[in-house]
Amino acid sequence: MESRVILPLYIYPSPGAWEPLYAAISKYPNLQFLIILNPNNGPGEAPWWPNEDYVREIPRLNAHTNVTLVGYVYATYCQRSADDVFLDIQTYAERGKGWLSVLGVQGIFVDETVNLYSEKMKGYLDAIDQQVKKSEGIVGNKIVIHNPGTAVSSRLASPGPDITVVVETSYQHFITQEYQDWLATSPYDRSRSCYMLHSVPNDEVKNLTASFCKAAKYLFITSATENFYGSFGPSWEDFLAAMEASGIAESG
């Protein structure tokens, strides 16, 4: 039963800033890393882009066979103009063509999606998914990830994206009965589910990781209580070691 690390890499790539990630990728060659790139609340545009630090570091990540990059876009709970989201997707796609392909991504992470069904919301999200799938410069499997951060209604999930973040919360909130009751309604099976949990007690990280592997294929667990996605956090190595020790780290 394979699980994969999903990492929101919202750390600016100053020289050396991503070294803990490169070290982990090399140390755990059989562990797959699904990495969310967020250059500038999306792909970034001129004159900020091309940004020399991202242009230097993205090819280093793409050089590893156990790394898959996806680009960040935001939907503002389906209130953002779909055309603006399409433009962000197209910007990522253009970077995957020709000599720029070393800067390319293999999918899109759509942040701030909704979890309750309406015909309008489903149409909006389906259109985004279709845009990713038909974008030639998005390479590989053209993975689509939605982040409502909670369980979604079954009508929204059919067919739905490839992966959904059904948990994005603190440990303290996660363990409440109310949260567990709602999570139990998730229509997604393990292979399409992602858990992101922060503020986990250090001594719980390893056991929780092993437990979560049974419920979700894509995991990110950290003891950090703030800036969870802007740092690797004190439990980074414990989390990775737990993934390895669980016997579910397989190349795929």
C-alpha atoms as a PDB file:
ATOM      1  CA  MET A   1       0.000   0.000   0.000  1.00  0.00           C
ATOM      2  CA  GLU A   2       1.849   3.033  -1.282  1.00  0.00           C
ATOM      3  CA  SER A   3       1.696   6.509   0.244  1.00  0.00           C
ATOM      4  CA  ARG A   4       3.396   9.661  -0.986  1.00  0.00           C
ATOM      5  CA  VAL A   5       4.612  12.868   0.573  1.00  0.00           C
ATOM      6  CA  ILE A   6       2.685  15.924  -0.565  1.00  0.00           C
ATOM      7  CA  LEU A   7       4.630  19.076   0.232  1.00  0.00           C
ATOM      8  CA  PRO A   8       3.309  22.637  -0.033  1.00  0.00           C
ATOM      9  CA  LEU A   9       6.682  24.229  -0.840  1.00  0.00           C
ATOM     10  CA  TYR A  10       5.872  27.832   0.013  1.00  0.00           C
ATOM     11  CA  ILE A  11       9.482  28.607   0.886  1.00  0.00           C
ATOM     12  CA  TYR A  12      11.272  31.184  -1.229  1.00  0.00           C
ATOM     13  CA  PRO A  13      14.287  29.469  -2.854  1.00  0.00           C
ATOM     14  CA  SER A  14      17.075  31.650  -1.571  1.00  0.00           C
ATOM     15  CA  PRO A  15      20.409  29.861  -2.041  1.00  0.00           C
ATOM     16  CA  GLY A  16      20.385  26.893   0.353  1.00  0.00           C
ATOM     17  CA  ALA A  17      16.758  27.301   1.462  1.00  0.00           C
ATOM     18  CA  TRP A  18      15.600  24.080  -0.189  1.00  0.00           C
ATOM     19  CA  GLU A  19      18.578  21.976   0.880  1.00  0.00           C
ATOM     20  CA  PRO A  20      16.564  20.026   3.512  1.00  0.00           C
ATOM     21  CA  LEU A  21      14.272  18.958   0.677  1.00  0.00           C
ATOM     22  CA  TYR A  22      17.089  17.941  -1.663  1.00  0.00           C
ATOM     23  CA  ALA A  23      18.656  15.981   1.187  1.00  0.00           C
ATOM     24  CA  ALA A  24      15.375  14.164   1.821  1.00  0.00           C
ATOM     25  CA  ILE A  25      14.818  13.381  -1.864  1.00  0.00           C
ATOM     26  CA  SER A  26      18.278  11.804  -2.033  1.00  0.00           C
ATOM     27  CA  LYS A  27      18.023  10.017   1.315  1.00  0.00           C
ATOM     28  CA  TYR A  28      14.665   8.429   0.482  1.00  0.00           C
ATOM     29  CA  PRO A  29      14.914   7.517  -3.227  1.00  0.00           C
ATOM     30  CA  ASN A  30      12.000   5.078  -2.994  1.00  0.00           C
ATOM     31  CA  LEU A  31       9.664   7.682  -1.506  1.00  0.00           C
ATOM     32  CA  GLN A  32       7.659   9.735  -3.975  1.00  0.00           C
ATOM     33  CA  PHE A  33       7.417  13.499  -3.378  1.00  0.00           C
ATOM     34  CA  LEU A  34       4.469  15.433  -4.822  1.00  0.00           C
ATOM     35  CA  ILE A  35       5.603  19.044  -4.478  1.00  0.00           C
ATOM     36  CA  ILE A  36       3.363  22.105  -4.786  1.00  0.00           C
ATOM     37  CA  LEU A  37       5.218  25.054  -6.300  1.00  0.00           C
ATOM     38  CA  ASN A  38       3.881  28.499  -5.430  1.00  0.00           C
ATOM     39  CA  PRO A  39       6.246  31.090  -6.914  1.00  0.00           C
ATOM     40  CA  ASN A  40       4.126  34.194  -6.274  1.00  0.00           C
ATOM     41  CA  ASN A  41       0.597  33.267  -5.138  1.00  0.00           C
ATOM     42  CA  GLY A  42       0.453  31.450  -8.445  1.00  0.00           C
ATOM     43  CA  PRO A  43       2.970  31.219 -11.287  1.00  0.00           C
ATOM     44  CA  GLY A  44       4.070  34.864 -11.120  1.00  0.00           C
ATOM     45  CA  GLU A  45       4.222  37.224 -14.069  1.00  0.00           C
ATOM     46  CA  ALA A  46       6.480  39.841 -15.623  1.00  0.00           C
ATOM     47  CA  PRO A  47       8.405  41.757 -14.500  1.00  0.00           C
ATOM     48  CA  TRP A  48       8.775  39.508 -11.416  1.00  0.00           C
ATOM     49  CA  TRP A  49       9.075  36.401 -13.613  1.00  0.00           C
ATOM     50  CA  PRO A  50      11.445  35.042 -14.779  1.00  0.00           C
ATOM     51  CA  ASN A  51      12.748  34.960 -11.227  1.00  0.00           C
ATOM     52  CA  GLU A  52      16.384  33.899 -11.059  1.00  0.00           C
ATOM     53  CA  ASP A  53      16.012  31.883  -7.861  1.00  0.00           C
ATOM     54  CA  TYR A  54      13.074  29.799  -9.091  1.00  0.00           C
ATOM     55  CA  VAL A  55      14.663  29.402 -12.522  1.00  0.00           C
ATOM     56  CA  ARG A  56      17.765  28.031 -10.785  1.00  0.00           C
ATOM     57  CA  GLU A  57      16.004  25.645  -8.401  1.00  0.00           C
ATOM     58  CA  ILE A  58      13.006  24.209 -10.290  1.00  0.00           C
ATOM     59  CA  PRO A  59      15.200  22.255 -12.752  1.00  0.00           C
ATOM     60  CA  ARG A  60      17.033  20.719  -9.788  1.00  0.00           C
ATOM     61  CA  LEU A  61      13.749  19.315  -8.502  1.00  0.00           C
ATOM     62  CA  ASN A  62      12.641  18.130 -11.931  1.00  0.00           C
ATOM     63  CA  ALA A  63      15.904  16.216 -12.318  1.00  0.00           C
ATOM     64  CA  HIS A  64      14.818  13.682  -9.656  1.00  0.00           C
ATOM     65  CA  THR A  65      12.758  10.656 -10.684  1.00  0.00           C
ATOM     66  CA  ASN A  66      10.973  10.533  -7.305  1.00  0.00           C
ATOM     67  CA  VAL A  67       9.676  14.110  -7.624  1.00  0.00           C
ATOM     68  CA  THR A  68       6.472  15.332  -9.261  1.00  0.00           C
ATOM     69  CA  LEU A  69       5.846  19.085  -9.399  1.00  0.00           C
ATOM     70  CA  VAL A  70       2.420  20.711  -9.516  1.00  0.00           C
ATOM     71  CA  GLY A  71       1.703  24.426  -9.811  1.00  0.00           C
ATOM     72  CA  TYR A  72      -0.359  26.419  -7.312  1.00  0.00           C
ATOM     73  CA  VAL A  73      -3.429  28.417  -8.311  1.00  0.00           C
ATOM     74  CA  TYR A  74      -6.189  29.776  -6.083  1.00  0.00           C
ATOM     75  CA  ALA A  75      -9.947  29.777  -6.652  1.00  0.00           C
ATOM     76  CA  THR A  76     -11.127  31.956  -3.706  1.00  0.00           C
ATOM     77  CA  TYR A  77     -13.889  29.422  -2.991  1.00  0.00           C
ATOM     78  CA  CYS A  78     -15.009  29.581  -6.628  1.00  0.00           C
ATOM     79  CA  GLN A  79     -15.419  33.370  -6.523  1.00  0.00           C
ATOM     80  CA  ARG A  80     -12.299  34.120  -8.550  1.00  0.00           C
ATOM     81  CA  SER A  81     -12.806  34.603 -12.274  1.00  0.00           C
ATOM     82  CA  ALA A  82     -12.415  31.263 -14.038  1.00  0.00           C
ATOM     83  CA  ASP A  83     -10.630  33.073 -16.861  1.00  0.00           C
ATOM     84  CA  ASP A  84      -7.998  34.281 -14.392  1.00  0.00           C
ATOM     85  CA  VAL A  85      -7.508  30.727 -13.136  1.00  0.00           C
ATOM     86  CA  PHE A  86      -7.202  29.524 -16.752  1.00  0.00           C
ATOM     87  CA  LEU A  87      -4.558  32.181 -17.365  1.00  0.00           C
ATOM     88  CA  ASP A  88      -2.503  30.916 -14.418  1.00  0.00           C
ATOM     89  CA  ILE A  89      -2.795  27.365 -15.731  1.00  0.00           C
ATOM     90  CA  GLN A  90      -1.706  28.497 -19.179  1.00  0.00           C
ATOM     91  CA  THR A  91       1.274  30.322 -17.682  1.00  0.00           C
ATOM     92  CA  TYR A  92       2.470  27.113 -16.032  1.00  0.00           C
ATOM     93  CA  ALA A  93       1.805  25.232 -19.287  1.00  0.00           C
ATOM     94  CA  GLU A  94       3.937  27.608 -21.351  1.00  0.00           C
ATOM     95  CA  ARG A  95       6.866  26.892 -19.038  1.00  0.00           C
ATOM     96  CA  GLY A  96       6.611  23.206 -19.889  1.00  0.00           C
ATOM     97  CA  LYS A  97       7.217  23.651 -23.591  1.00  0.00           C
ATOM     98  CA  GLY A  98      10.433  23.445 -25.606  1.00  0.00           C
ATOM     99  CA  TRP A  99      13.667  24.526 -23.971  1.00  0.00           C
ATOM    100  CA  LEU A 100      11.691  25.763 -20.949  1.00  0.00           C
ATOM    101  CA  SER A 101      10.517  22.233 -20.135  1.00  0.00           C
ATOM    102  CA  VAL A 102      12.909  21.981 -17.185  1.00  0.00           C
ATOM    103  CA  LEU A 103      10.634  24.553 -15.521  1.00  0.00           C
ATOM    104  CA  GLY A 104       7.470  22.570 -16.237  1.00  0.00           C
ATOM    105  CA  VAL A 105       4.912  20.992 -13.921  1.00  0.00           C
ATOM    106  CA  GLN A 106       2.892  17.794 -14.152  1.00  0.00           C
ATOM    107  CA  GLY A 107      -0.328  19.115 -12.699  1.00  0.00           C
ATOM    108  CA  ILE A 108      -2.155  21.890 -10.886  1.00  0.00           C
ATOM    109  CA  PHE A 109      -3.051  22.355  -7.214  1.00  0.00           C
ATOM    110  CA  VAL A 110      -6.272  24.376  -6.931  1.00  0.00           C
ATOM    111  CA  ASP A 111      -6.431  26.033  -3.515  1.00  0.00           C
ATOM    112  CA  GLU A 112      -9.573  27.357  -1.822  1.00  0.00           C
ATOM    113  CA  THR A 113     -12.156  25.152  -3.513  1.00  0.00           C
ATOM    114  CA  VAL A 114     -15.608  24.514  -2.050  1.00  0.00           C
ATOM    115  CA  ASN A 115     -16.878  21.389  -0.340  1.00  0.00           C
ATOM    116  CA  LEU A 116     -20.652  21.736  -0.819  1.00  0.00           C
ATOM    117  CA  TYR A 117     -22.440  21.108  -4.087  1.00  0.00           C
ATOM    118  CA  SER A 118     -24.220  23.575  -6.303  1.00  0.00           C
ATOM    119  CA  GLU A 119     -24.598  23.334 -10.059  1.00  0.00           C
ATOM    120  CA  LYS A 120     -22.676  26.573 -10.480  1.00  0.00           C
ATOM    121  CA  MET A 121     -19.772  25.514  -8.246  1.00  0.00           C
ATOM    122  CA  LYS A 122     -19.482  22.104  -9.850  1.00  0.00           C
ATOM    123  CA  GLY A 123     -19.492  23.626 -13.326  1.00  0.00           C
ATOM    124  CA  TYR A 124     -16.751  26.051 -12.284  1.00  0.00           C
ATOM    125  CA  LEU A 125     -14.520  23.320 -10.861  1.00  0.00           C
ATOM    126  CA  ASP A 126     -15.150  20.896 -13.728  1.00  0.00           C
ATOM    127  CA  ALA A 127     -14.100  23.604 -16.194  1.00  0.00           C
ATOM    128  CA  ILE A 128     -10.823  24.121 -14.330  1.00  0.00           C
ATOM    129  CA  ASP A 129     -10.152  20.385 -14.279  1.00  0.00           C
ATOM    130  CA  GLN A 130     -10.787  20.144 -18.012  1.00  0.00           C
ATOM    131  CA  GLN A 131      -8.501  23.091 -18.674  1.00  0.00           C
ATOM    132  CA  VAL A 132      -5.633  21.323 -16.905  1.00  0.00           C
ATOM    133  CA  LYS A 133      -6.228  18.057 -18.744  1.00  0.00           C
ATOM    134  CA  LYS A 134      -6.146  19.695 -22.170  1.00  0.00           C
ATOM    135  CA  SER A 135      -3.161  21.998 -21.539  1.00  0.00           C
ATOM    136  CA  GLU A 136      -0.316  20.674 -23.687  1.00  0.00           C
ATOM    137  CA  GLY A 137       2.451  22.203 -21.602  1.00  0.00           C
ATOM    138  CA  ILE A 138       1.231  20.487 -18.434  1.00  0.00           C
ATOM    139  CA  VAL A 139       3.117  17.227 -18.836  1.00  0.00           C
ATOM    140  CA  GLY A 140       2.918  13.736 -17.393  1.00  0.00           C
ATOM    141  CA  ASN A 141      -0.413  12.704 -15.907  1.00  0.00           C
ATOM    142  CA  LYS A 142      -1.743  16.289 -15.713  1.00  0.00           C
ATOM    143  CA  ILE A 143      -2.699  15.790 -12.069  1.00  0.00           C
ATOM    144  CA  VAL A 144      -5.538  17.918 -10.679  1.00  0.00           C
ATOM    145  CA  ILE A 145      -5.690  18.488  -6.919  1.00  0.00           C
ATOM    146  CA  HIS A 146      -8.486  20.385  -5.152  1.00  0.00           C
ATOM    147  CA  ASN A 147      -8.061  21.807  -1.680  1.00  0.00           C
ATOM    148  CA  PRO A 148     -11.334  22.374   0.149  1.00  0.00           C
ATOM    149  CA  GLY A 149      -9.474  21.265   3.287  1.00  0.00           C
ATOM    150  CA  THR A 150     -12.389  19.111   4.380  1.00  0.00           C
ATOM    151  CA  ALA A 151     -14.709  16.358   3.206  1.00  0.00           C
ATOM    152  CA  VAL A 152     -16.854  17.208   0.180  1.00  0.00           C
ATOM    153  CA  SER A 153     -20.390  16.293  -0.800  1.00  0.00           C
ATOM    154  CA  SER A 154     -20.710  13.233  -3.005  1.00  0.00           C
ATOM    155  CA  ARG A 155     -22.307  15.171  -5.889  1.00  0.00           C
ATOM    156  CA  LEU A 156     -19.253  17.416  -6.047  1.00  0.00           C
ATOM    157  CA  ALA A 157     -16.967  14.393  -6.102  1.00  0.00           C
ATOM    158  CA  SER A 158     -18.374  12.820  -9.259  1.00  0.00           C
ATOM    159  CA  PRO A 159     -16.164  12.565 -11.171  1.00  0.00           C
ATOM    160  CA  GLY A 160     -14.096  15.123  -9.246  1.00  0.00           C
ATOM    161  CA  PRO A 161     -10.348  15.758  -9.432  1.00  0.00           C
ATOM    162  CA  ASP A 162      -7.572  13.195  -9.194  1.00  0.00           C
ATOM    163  CA  ILE A 163      -6.799  14.105  -5.571  1.00  0.00           C
ATOM    164  CA  THR A 164      -8.690  16.064  -2.904  1.00  0.00           C
ATOM    165  CA  VAL A 165      -7.307  17.502   0.329  1.00  0.00           C
ATOM    166  CA  VAL A 166      -9.977  16.204   2.702  1.00  0.00           C
ATOM    167  CA  VAL A 167      -8.003  17.176   5.811  1.00  0.00           C
ATOM    168  CA  GLU A 168      -6.188  20.477   6.281  1.00  0.00           C
ATOM    169  CA  THR A 169      -6.348  21.460   9.917  1.00  0.00           C
ATOM    170  CA  SER A 170      -4.620  21.405  13.293  1.00  0.00           C
ATOM    171  CA  TYR A 171      -4.148  18.267  15.334  1.00  0.00           C
ATOM    172  CA  GLN A 172      -6.332  19.730  18.078  1.00  0.00           C
ATOM    173  CA  HIS A 173      -9.229  20.230  15.674  1.00  0.00           C
ATOM    174  CA  PHE A 174      -8.706  16.929  13.911  1.00  0.00           C
ATOM    175  CA  ILE A 175      -9.196  14.836  17.049  1.00  0.00           C
ATOM    176  CA  THR A 176     -12.587  16.354  17.932  1.00  0.00           C
ATOM    177  CA  GLN A 177     -15.606  14.108  17.484  1.00  0.00           C
ATOM    178  CA  GLU A 178     -17.353  16.721  15.361  1.00  0.00           C
ATOM    179  CA  TYR A 179     -14.473  16.760  12.881  1.00  0.00           C
ATOM    180  CA  GLN A 180     -14.246  12.973  12.766  1.00  0.00           C
ATOM    181  CA  ASP A 181     -17.971  12.644  12.129  1.00  0.00           C
ATOM    182  CA  TRP A 182     -17.750  14.997   9.148  1.00  0.00           C
ATOM    183  CA  LEU A 183     -14.589  13.345   7.789  1.00  0.00           C
ATOM    184  CA  ALA A 184     -16.401  10.008   7.836  1.00  0.00           C
ATOM    185  CA  THR A 185     -18.754  11.356   5.155  1.00  0.00           C
ATOM    186  CA  SER A 186     -15.935  11.801   2.606  1.00  0.00           C
ATOM    187  CA  PRO A 187     -16.862  10.062  -0.665  1.00  0.00           C
ATOM    188  CA  TYR A 188     -13.246   9.602  -1.740  1.00  0.00           C
ATOM    189  CA  ASP A 189     -11.305   6.399  -1.304  1.00  0.00           C
ATOM    190  CA  ARG A 190      -7.765   6.291  -0.004  1.00  0.00           C
ATOM    191  CA  SER A 191      -6.125   6.605  -3.428  1.00  0.00           C
ATOM    192  CA  ARG A 192      -7.700  10.033  -4.034  1.00  0.00           C
ATOM    193  CA  SER A 193      -7.424  11.418  -0.496  1.00  0.00           C
ATOM    194  CA  CYS A 194      -4.854  13.806   0.962  1.00  0.00           C
ATOM    195  CA  TYR A 195      -4.307  14.743   4.617  1.00  0.00           C
ATOM    196  CA  MET A 196      -2.370  17.840   5.700  1.00  0.00           C
ATOM    197  CA  LEU A 197      -2.078  18.187   9.460  1.00  0.00           C
ATOM    198  CA  HIS A 198      -0.159  20.771  11.478  1.00  0.00           C
ATOM    199  CA  SER A 199       0.529  21.427  15.177  1.00  0.00           C
ATOM    200  CA  VAL A 200       1.002  17.715  15.839  1.00  0.00           C
ATOM    201  CA  PRO A 201       2.826  16.953  19.120  1.00  0.00           C
ATOM    202  CA  ASN A 202       6.370  15.859  18.325  1.00  0.00           C
ATOM    203  CA  ASP A 203       5.947  12.515  20.052  1.00  0.00           C
ATOM    204  CA  GLU A 204       2.826  11.772  17.988  1.00  0.00           C
ATOM    205  CA  VAL A 205       4.255  12.427  14.517  1.00  0.00           C
ATOM    206  CA  LYS A 206       5.553   8.921  13.819  1.00  0.00           C
ATOM    207  CA  ASN A 207       2.505   7.034  15.095  1.00  0.00           C
ATOM    208  CA  LEU A 208       0.092   9.407  13.411  1.00  0.00           C
ATOM    209  CA  THR A 209       1.923   9.068  10.110  1.00  0.00           C
ATOM    210  CA  ALA A 210       1.667   5.283  10.264  1.00  0.00           C
ATOM    211  CA  SER A 211      -2.036   5.537  11.068  1.00  0.00           C
ATOM    212  CA  PHE A 212      -2.809   8.067   8.337  1.00  0.00           C
ATOM    213  CA  CYS A 213      -1.127   5.917   5.707  1.00  0.00           C
ATOM    214  CA  LYS A 214      -4.122   3.605   5.979  1.00  0.00           C
ATOM    215  CA  ALA A 215      -6.597   6.399   5.256  1.00  0.00           C
ATOM    216  CA  ALA A 216      -4.905   8.620   2.658  1.00  0.00           C
ATOM    217  CA  LYS A 217      -2.332   8.080  -0.062  1.00  0.00           C
ATOM    218  CA  TYR A 218      -0.958  11.650   0.108  1.00  0.00           C
ATOM    219  CA  LEU A 219       0.320  12.957   3.440  1.00  0.00           C
ATOM    220  CA  PHE A 220       1.907  16.007   4.995  1.00  0.00           C
ATOM    221  CA  ILE A 221       2.299  16.047   8.769  1.00  0.00           C
ATOM    222  CA  THR A 222       4.212  18.635  10.772  1.00  0.00           C
ATOM    223  CA  SER A 223       4.672  19.657  14.384  1.00  0.00           C
ATOM    224  CA  ALA A 224       4.992  23.303  13.315  1.00  0.00           C
ATOM    225  CA  THR A 225       2.331  25.506  14.900  1.00  0.00           C
ATOM    226  CA  GLU A 226       2.837  28.441  12.551  1.00  0.00           C
ATOM    227  CA  ASN A 227       4.288  29.016   9.102  1.00  0.00           C
ATOM    228  CA  PHE A 228       3.609  25.318   8.426  1.00  0.00           C
ATOM    229  CA  TYR A 229       4.243  25.603   4.687  1.00  0.00           C
ATOM    230  CA  GLY A 230       6.949  28.240   4.872  1.00  0.00           C
ATOM    231  CA  SER A 231       9.455  26.050   6.726  1.00  0.00           C
ATOM    232  CA  PHE A 232      10.353  22.388   6.966  1.00  0.00           C
ATOM    233  CA  GLY A 233       9.624  22.352  10.682  1.00  0.00           C
ATOM    234  CA  PRO A 234      11.243  20.426  13.535  1.00  0.00           C
ATOM    235  CA  SER A 235       9.454  17.155  12.714  1.00  0.00           C
ATOM    236  CA  TRP A 236      10.384  16.997   9.008  1.00  0.00           C
ATOM    237  CA  GLU A 237      12.873  14.150   9.411  1.00  0.00           C
ATOM    238  CA  ASP A 238      10.618  12.218  11.818  1.00  0.00           C
ATOM    239  CA  PHE A 239       7.767  12.409   9.319  1.00  0.00           C
ATOM    240  CA  LEU A 240       9.904  11.103   6.458  1.00  0.00           C
ATOM    241  CA  ALA A 241      11.436   8.366   8.591  1.00  0.00           C
ATOM    242  CA  ALA A 242       7.944   7.263   9.608  1.00  0.00           C
ATOM    243  CA  MET A 243       6.875   7.067   5.973  1.00  0.00           C
ATOM    244  CA  GLU A 244       9.908   4.898   5.247  1.00  0.00           C
ATOM    245  CA  ALA A 245       9.463   2.745   8.350  1.00  0.00           C
ATOM    246  CA  SER A 246       5.823   2.080   7.558  1.00  0.00           C
ATOM    247  CA  GLY A 247       6.958   0.073   4.579  1.00  0.00           C
ATOM    248  CA  ILE A 248       4.785   2.003   2.158  1.00  0.00           C
ATOM    249  CA  ALA A 249       7.462   4.045   0.453  1.00  0.00           C
ATOM    250  CA  GLU A 250       7.576   2.597  -3.040  1.00  0.00           C
ATOM    251  CA  SER A 251       8.538   4.061  -6.336  1.00  0.00           C
ATOM    252  CA  GLY A 252       5.600   4.402  -8.690  1.00  0.00           C
END
